[in-house]
Protein backbone atom coordinates (compact mmCIF):
# COMPACT_ATOMS: atom_id res chain seq x y z
CA UNK A 1 0.00 0.00 0.00
CA UNK A 2 1.29 3.46 -0.83
CA UNK A 3 1.33 6.47 1.45
CA UNK A 4 -1.35 9.04 0.57
CA UNK A 5 -0.30 12.47 -0.64
CA UNK A 6 -1.02 15.44 1.59
CA UNK A 7 -3.00 17.53 -0.88
CA UNK A 8 -3.08 20.86 0.97
CA UNK A 9 -1.92 22.62 4.10
CA UNK A 10 -2.89 25.97 5.57
CA UNK A 11 -3.18 27.30 9.12
CA UNK A 12 -5.45 24.87 10.98
CA UNK A 13 -6.39 22.82 7.89
CA UNK A 14 -4.91 19.82 6.14
CA UNK A 15 -6.36 17.68 3.35
CA UNK A 16 -5.15 14.21 2.42
CA UNK A 17 -5.70 12.98 -1.14
CA UNK A 18 -8.56 10.50 -1.35
CA UNK A 19 -10.10 11.61 1.96
CA UNK A 20 -13.01 14.03 2.31
CA UNK A 21 -12.13 15.01 5.90
CA UNK A 22 -10.36 18.30 6.63
CA UNK A 23 -7.94 17.77 9.50
CA UNK A 24 -6.49 20.23 12.00
CA UNK A 25 -3.82 17.76 13.11
CA UNK A 26 -3.46 14.46 11.32
CA UNK A 27 -1.77 11.09 11.25
CA UNK A 28 -0.94 9.45 7.93
CA UNK A 29 0.47 6.03 7.09
CA UNK A 30 0.72 3.71 4.08
CA UNK A 31 -2.90 3.29 3.02
CA UNK A 32 -4.65 5.77 5.28
CA UNK A 33 -5.04 8.80 7.51
CA UNK A 34 -7.09 10.06 10.42
CA UNK A 35 -7.42 12.94 12.86
CA UNK A 36 -4.58 13.17 15.37
CA UNK A 37 -6.47 13.74 18.61
CA UNK A 38 -3.95 14.82 21.24
CA UNK A 39 -6.42 13.95 24.01
CA UNK A 40 -5.97 10.22 23.26
CA UNK A 41 -2.43 10.29 24.67
CA UNK A 42 -2.41 13.46 26.76
CA UNK A 43 -0.11 15.18 24.28
CA UNK A 44 0.54 18.88 24.68
CA UNK A 45 2.99 21.34 23.10
CA UNK A 46 5.39 20.48 25.92
CA UNK A 47 6.70 17.87 26.50
CA UNK A 48 5.32 17.22 23.03
CA UNK A 49 4.97 14.19 20.75
CA UNK A 50 4.96 10.94 22.73
CA UNK A 51 5.83 7.45 21.47
CA UNK A 52 2.14 6.60 21.97
CA UNK A 53 1.27 9.20 19.31
CA UNK A 54 3.35 7.25 16.79
CA UNK A 55 2.56 3.62 17.65
CA UNK A 56 -0.39 3.45 15.23
CA UNK A 57 1.65 4.92 12.35
CA UNK A 58 4.46 2.41 12.97
CA UNK A 59 2.01 -0.49 13.40
CA UNK A 60 0.42 0.37 10.04
CA UNK A 61 3.69 -0.10 8.17
CA UNK A 62 5.60 3.20 8.09
CA UNK A 63 9.37 2.68 7.72
CA UNK A 64 10.03 6.44 7.80
CA UNK A 65 8.12 8.83 10.07
CA UNK A 66 7.92 12.58 9.51
CA UNK A 67 6.89 14.75 12.46
CA UNK A 68 5.51 18.22 11.71
CA UNK A 69 6.09 20.46 14.74
CA UNK A 70 3.66 23.20 13.70
CA UNK A 71 3.92 26.36 11.64
CA UNK A 72 5.98 28.09 14.35
CA UNK A 73 7.49 24.84 15.69
CA UNK A 74 5.73 25.15 19.06
CA UNK A 75 5.23 21.38 19.34
CA UNK A 76 8.18 19.73 21.07
CA UNK A 77 9.65 16.33 20.22
CA UNK A 78 11.54 14.85 23.17
CA UNK A 79 14.62 12.65 22.58
CA UNK A 80 12.72 9.66 24.00
CA UNK A 81 10.27 9.85 21.08
CA UNK A 82 13.06 9.90 18.49
CA UNK A 83 14.79 7.03 20.34
CA UNK A 84 11.55 4.99 20.30
CA UNK A 85 11.42 5.24 16.50
CA UNK A 86 15.11 4.52 15.97
CA UNK A 87 14.98 1.48 18.28
CA UNK A 88 12.17 0.14 16.08
CA UNK A 89 14.29 0.60 12.93
CA UNK A 90 12.28 3.61 11.76
CA UNK A 91 13.93 6.60 10.09
CA UNK A 92 12.66 9.88 11.54
CA UNK A 93 12.53 13.49 10.35
CA UNK A 94 11.44 16.30 12.67
CA UNK A 95 10.61 19.52 10.80
CA UNK A 96 8.49 22.66 10.72
CA UNK A 97 5.12 21.51 9.34
CA UNK A 98 5.32 23.10 5.87
CA UNK A 99 8.77 21.55 5.34
CA UNK A 100 7.55 18.29 6.88
CA UNK A 101 4.67 18.06 4.39
CA UNK A 102 7.03 18.76 1.46
CA UNK A 103 9.42 16.06 2.65
CA UNK A 104 6.62 13.59 3.37
CA UNK A 105 5.10 14.09 -0.11
CA UNK A 106 8.51 13.71 -1.78
CA UNK A 107 9.13 10.43 0.06
CA UNK A 108 5.61 9.16 -0.71
CA UNK A 109 6.11 9.99 -4.41
CA UNK A 110 9.31 7.89 -4.35
CA UNK A 111 7.31 4.92 -3.03
CA UNK A 112 8.77 5.05 0.48
CA UNK A 113 6.51 3.56 3.16
CA UNK A 114 6.26 6.89 4.96
CA UNK A 115 3.94 7.97 7.72
CA UNK A 116 3.70 11.00 9.91
CA UNK A 117 2.01 13.18 12.44
CA UNK A 118 1.39 16.81 11.55
CA UNK A 119 0.37 19.81 13.67
CA UNK A 120 -1.15 22.50 11.43
CA UNK A 121 -1.23 25.50 13.77
CA UNK A 122 1.38 27.01 16.10
């Protein structure tokens, strides 16, 4: 299964190709996407993205994970989260969200089994 293209990004809104939902924050993986609801794992800007936020993306087949930290990079990514991915043999990129979406789409277009979590505001 291929990773879906992120079709558009603007402040507070993301669209994934083949999906009618407009997301604020989203998770994507080979073959799908859904809303990234921070309340599920107690995520907040600080300490930031937790391994629990990424388990689903990894479980669904991503070999590379792109983390979008927000338009102003307010969302933190602690070293423990990066370590979790690396220990599972997953390549990880942590970027400002616009750059993260560009990188994600480039990898998806190359056929990489890429997934990600993206914060579309601050």
